[in-house]
Amino acid sequence: MEDVMIRISVLWIFAAVAMVVHYAMLFFEPDVLQKMLSDEVTLATKHTNARLAIVEVFADWLIPLTMAFLSVTLGGLANRYLNMVLGGLYILLSIFHLAKCPVVHISNKPSIHQLLICISTIVVTALIFWYAWTWQVS
């Protein structure tokens, strides 16, 4: 039982790091910083981007790290169901992010490393769901 809990916890940590790296690598793409700092960006857009950044911090960093902690501290049944629900939710969110990425990407075309990070996040959250689904709680 502890083996599955540790595996799921490590997968949540990997998902959190992959999501943060995805946004950090965005700044290394050509002309992204110039586009973000340009005068074309209005004050309303800056406020919207600030709100989105706060949501991204919660969704991409805080929730997965909290789940990594809860995966090793919660009891078996609650742990299993919570990982199944949030793992499934993050699978859907990651697929949606991958689908919308080329459409609304700030550089108009995501680079291959951005796509690989998105795909790895989908795989990791699918593994979280799979481990929680096949977990035999005693």
Protein backbone atom coordinates (compact mmCIF):
# COMPACT_ATOMS: atom_id res chain seq x y z
CA MET A 1 0.00 0.00 0.00
CA GLU A 2 2.77 2.47 0.87
CA ASP A 3 4.44 1.63 -2.45
CA VAL A 4 1.43 2.90 -4.43
CA MET A 5 1.13 5.98 -2.22
CA ILE A 6 4.77 6.90 -2.84
CA ARG A 7 4.47 6.26 -6.59
CA ILE A 8 1.42 8.51 -6.84
CA SER A 9 3.12 11.19 -4.74
CA VAL A 10 6.20 11.19 -6.98
CA LEU A 11 3.98 11.38 -10.06
CA TRP A 12 2.18 14.43 -8.63
CA ILE A 13 5.53 16.10 -8.00
CA PHE A 14 6.61 15.30 -11.56
CA ALA A 15 3.35 16.75 -12.90
CA ALA A 16 3.82 19.97 -10.90
CA VAL A 17 7.39 20.42 -12.09
CA ALA A 18 6.45 19.66 -15.71
CA MET A 19 3.64 22.22 -15.63
CA VAL A 20 5.89 24.92 -14.17
CA VAL A 21 8.68 24.13 -16.64
CA HIS A 22 6.15 24.43 -19.45
CA TYR A 23 5.45 28.05 -18.50
CA ALA A 24 9.09 28.84 -17.70
CA MET A 25 10.22 27.57 -21.11
CA LEU A 26 7.68 29.88 -22.73
CA PHE A 27 9.99 32.83 -22.04
CA PHE A 28 12.76 31.23 -24.08
CA GLU A 29 10.74 31.20 -27.26
CA PRO A 30 11.51 33.90 -29.84
CA ASP A 31 9.85 37.30 -29.43
CA VAL A 32 7.73 36.25 -26.44
CA LEU A 33 9.17 38.78 -24.00
CA GLN A 34 8.95 41.57 -26.58
CA LYS A 35 5.33 40.71 -27.21
CA MET A 36 4.55 40.64 -23.49
CA LEU A 37 6.31 43.94 -22.79
CA SER A 38 5.07 45.76 -25.87
CA ASP A 39 2.85 48.82 -25.73
CA GLU A 40 0.14 46.94 -27.61
CA VAL A 41 -0.87 45.20 -24.39
CA THR A 42 -3.58 47.22 -22.66
CA LEU A 43 -4.12 47.61 -18.93
CA ALA A 44 -7.20 45.36 -19.07
CA THR A 45 -5.15 42.64 -20.75
CA LYS A 46 -2.46 42.96 -18.08
CA HIS A 47 -5.08 42.55 -15.31
CA THR A 48 -6.56 39.53 -17.08
CA ASN A 49 -3.09 38.03 -17.46
CA ALA A 50 -2.40 38.63 -13.76
CA ARG A 51 -5.60 36.82 -12.79
CA LEU A 52 -4.73 33.95 -15.12
CA ALA A 53 -1.26 33.75 -13.60
CA ILE A 54 -2.77 33.38 -10.12
CA VAL A 55 -5.08 30.61 -11.36
CA GLU A 56 -2.13 28.90 -13.05
CA VAL A 57 -0.14 28.97 -9.81
CA PHE A 58 -2.97 27.22 -7.98
CA ALA A 59 -3.79 24.75 -10.75
CA ASP A 60 -0.27 23.94 -11.86
CA TRP A 61 1.77 24.13 -8.70
CA LEU A 62 -0.20 24.29 -5.47
CA ILE A 63 -2.83 21.61 -6.12
CA PRO A 64 -0.40 18.94 -7.45
CA LEU A 65 2.04 19.55 -4.59
CA THR A 66 -0.80 19.38 -2.07
CA MET A 67 -1.88 16.12 -3.69
CA ALA A 68 1.69 14.81 -3.39
CA PHE A 69 1.51 15.50 0.34
CA LEU A 70 -1.99 14.08 0.73
CA SER A 71 -1.06 10.96 -1.23
CA VAL A 72 1.29 9.87 1.53
CA THR A 73 -0.78 11.08 4.50
CA LEU A 74 -4.41 10.21 3.74
CA GLY A 75 -6.00 6.86 4.43
CA GLY A 76 -6.42 4.29 1.70
CA LEU A 77 -9.98 4.78 0.44
CA ALA A 78 -10.06 8.59 0.61
CA ASN A 79 -6.63 8.69 -1.00
CA ARG A 80 -7.73 6.41 -3.82
CA TYR A 81 -10.88 8.36 -4.67
CA LEU A 82 -9.21 11.77 -4.39
CA ASN A 83 -6.41 10.69 -6.71
CA MET A 84 -8.90 9.21 -9.17
CA VAL A 85 -10.99 12.38 -9.27
CA LEU A 86 -8.14 14.88 -9.48
CA GLY A 87 -6.07 12.63 -11.75
CA GLY A 88 -9.01 12.38 -14.15
CA LEU A 89 -9.60 16.13 -13.95
CA TYR A 90 -5.96 16.86 -14.72
CA ILE A 91 -6.04 14.43 -17.67
CA LEU A 92 -8.94 16.42 -19.13
CA LEU A 93 -7.30 19.78 -18.37
CA SER A 94 -4.01 18.66 -19.91
CA ILE A 95 -5.72 17.39 -23.06
CA PHE A 96 -7.66 20.66 -23.32
CA HIS A 97 -4.43 22.62 -22.85
CA LEU A 98 -2.70 20.61 -25.57
CA ALA A 99 -5.66 21.11 -27.92
CA LYS A 100 -5.84 24.88 -27.39
CA CYS A 101 -2.08 25.44 -27.23
CA PRO A 102 -1.49 26.04 -30.98
CA VAL A 103 -4.59 28.22 -31.19
CA VAL A 104 -3.95 30.73 -28.40
CA HIS A 105 -0.23 30.31 -27.86
CA ILE A 106 1.55 33.60 -27.27
CA SER A 107 4.13 32.90 -29.96
CA ASN A 108 1.43 31.62 -32.38
CA LYS A 109 3.18 28.28 -32.77
CA PRO A 110 4.37 26.23 -29.82
CA SER A 111 7.81 24.68 -30.05
CA ILE A 112 8.39 20.95 -29.90
CA HIS A 113 9.61 21.03 -26.30
CA GLN A 114 6.37 22.72 -25.23
CA LEU A 115 4.34 19.99 -26.92
CA LEU A 116 6.49 17.25 -25.38
CA ILE A 117 6.03 18.71 -21.91
CA CYS A 118 2.24 18.85 -22.45
CA ILE A 119 2.21 15.23 -23.62
CA SER A 120 4.34 14.12 -20.67
CA THR A 121 1.88 15.82 -18.31
CA ILE A 122 -0.98 13.87 -19.90
CA VAL A 123 0.94 10.61 -19.50
CA VAL A 124 1.83 11.33 -15.87
CA THR A 125 -1.72 12.27 -14.88
CA ALA A 126 -2.99 9.17 -16.70
CA LEU A 127 -0.56 7.08 -14.64
CA ILE A 128 -1.85 8.75 -11.47
CA PHE A 129 -5.40 7.83 -12.44
CA TRP A 130 -4.35 4.29 -13.40
CA TYR A 131 -2.48 3.64 -10.14
CA ALA A 132 -5.43 4.98 -8.14
CA TRP A 133 -7.90 2.94 -10.21
CA THR A 134 -6.01 -0.37 -9.81
CA TRP A 135 -5.11 0.24 -6.16
CA GLN A 136 -6.38 -2.57 -3.95
CA VAL A 137 -7.34 -0.83 -0.71
CA SER A 138 -7.42 -3.22 2.24
